[in-house]
Every structure is written in structure tokens, then in C-alpha cells.
Amino acid sequence: MSEQPDGPPGRFHLTLSVAGRPVLDGWWDSEPTARRKFVGLLGEQGRDGVTISLVDEGTGVLLDSWPGPVVGGGS
């Protein structure tokens, strides 16, 4: 899933996990490309038991995730 098979991984890291186990990942230098891949992967694989995350490895910031974090959650 990487656009750089012979070089170092890109800055933007996309990971798909099923039941908590990573099963697919990809790396891109371009954030817009990585975000398009995120949306495509969500459309293809988004279902119960699947998590998808996009991280900027240059800063360590989680850019997007599915399912997203729970907002609120008060009792």
C-alpha cells in the first residue's frame, strides 16, 4: 500500500486493524493522498471490529481515526 516500496516510509501512516490486530498499513509523503486512501479504506472496510487510523509520523499527531473518539460520554 506504500508508494515508495524501495525507499524509506512516508510521513503519513495509515493502519487498518481488525479485532485489535493490525492487518494492513501504508505510508505516503503526501497528506492529501493519505487522506484519500483513508476515506477509500473506510468505504471498503469500515464495519464493526475494524479500526482505521492516520498518523503524521513527523509530529506523532493522530490526524484521523475510525471509529472516531467518543465525544461527551457524560453519565
Protein backbone atom coordinates (compact mmCIF):
# COMPACT_ATOMS: atom_id res chain seq x y z
CA MET A 1 0.00 0.00 0.00
CA SER A 2 3.05 2.26 0.00
CA GLU A 3 4.00 4.47 -2.90
CA GLN A 4 7.70 4.08 -2.01
CA PRO A 5 8.50 0.35 -1.96
CA ASP A 6 12.27 0.84 -2.22
CA GLY A 7 12.76 3.95 -0.09
CA PRO A 8 12.07 4.95 3.47
CA PRO A 9 8.41 5.02 4.51
CA GLY A 10 6.49 8.24 4.00
CA ARG A 11 5.50 10.65 6.72
CA PHE A 12 1.78 9.78 6.81
CA HIS A 13 0.98 6.31 8.15
CA LEU A 14 -2.39 4.62 7.63
CA THR A 15 -3.20 1.49 9.64
CA LEU A 16 -6.19 -0.84 9.49
CA SER A 17 -6.75 -3.22 12.39
CA VAL A 18 -9.33 -5.98 12.79
CA ALA A 19 -10.23 -7.11 16.30
CA GLY A 20 -7.24 -5.14 17.60
CA ARG A 21 -4.70 -6.76 15.25
CA PRO A 22 -3.00 -4.67 12.54
CA VAL A 23 -3.62 -6.28 9.17
CA LEU A 24 -2.79 -3.52 6.67
CA ASP A 25 -0.70 -0.39 6.63
CA GLY A 26 0.56 2.14 4.13
CA TRP A 27 2.85 5.16 4.09
CA TRP A 28 2.70 8.32 1.95
CA ASP A 29 4.65 11.56 1.76
CA SER A 30 1.54 13.50 0.73
CA GLU A 31 -1.12 14.21 3.36
CA PRO A 32 -3.89 14.71 0.75
CA THR A 33 -3.03 11.32 -0.78
CA ALA A 34 -3.02 9.66 2.64
CA ARG A 35 -6.40 11.21 3.46
CA ARG A 36 -7.87 9.97 0.16
CA LYS A 37 -6.60 6.49 0.99
CA PHE A 38 -8.15 6.78 4.47
CA VAL A 39 -11.56 7.65 3.01
CA GLY A 40 -11.28 4.88 0.40
CA LEU A 41 -10.31 2.31 3.00
CA LEU A 42 -13.17 3.43 5.23
CA GLY A 43 -15.61 2.94 2.34
CA GLU A 44 -14.24 -0.53 1.60
CA GLN A 45 -13.54 -1.87 5.09
CA GLY A 46 -15.40 0.28 7.64
CA ARG A 47 -17.51 -2.08 9.76
CA ASP A 48 -17.80 -3.37 13.33
CA GLY A 49 -14.50 -4.63 14.70
CA VAL A 50 -12.38 -2.54 12.31
CA THR A 51 -10.29 0.47 13.29
CA ILE A 52 -8.52 2.76 10.85
CA SER A 53 -6.02 5.42 11.86
CA LEU A 54 -4.00 8.06 10.04
CA VAL A 55 -0.94 9.40 11.87
CA ASP A 56 1.55 12.11 10.93
CA GLU A 57 4.73 10.27 11.93
CA GLY A 58 6.70 13.51 11.63
CA THR A 59 4.81 15.05 14.56
CA GLY A 60 3.22 11.99 16.17
CA VAL A 61 -0.25 13.54 15.76
CA LEU A 62 -3.28 11.34 15.10
CA LEU A 63 -4.88 13.08 12.11
CA ASP A 64 -7.98 10.91 11.77
CA SER A 65 -9.45 7.68 13.06
CA TRP A 66 -12.46 5.47 12.59
CA PRO A 67 -14.45 4.90 14.54
CA GLY A 68 -13.74 8.34 15.94
CA PRO A 69 -13.33 9.12 19.60
CA VAL A 70 -16.48 9.24 21.73
CA VAL A 71 -17.48 12.86 22.31
CA GLY A 72 -19.26 13.77 25.52
CA GLY A 73 -19.94 10.47 27.22
CA GLY A 74 -21.31 12.02 30.39
CA SER A 75 -23.46 9.92 32.72
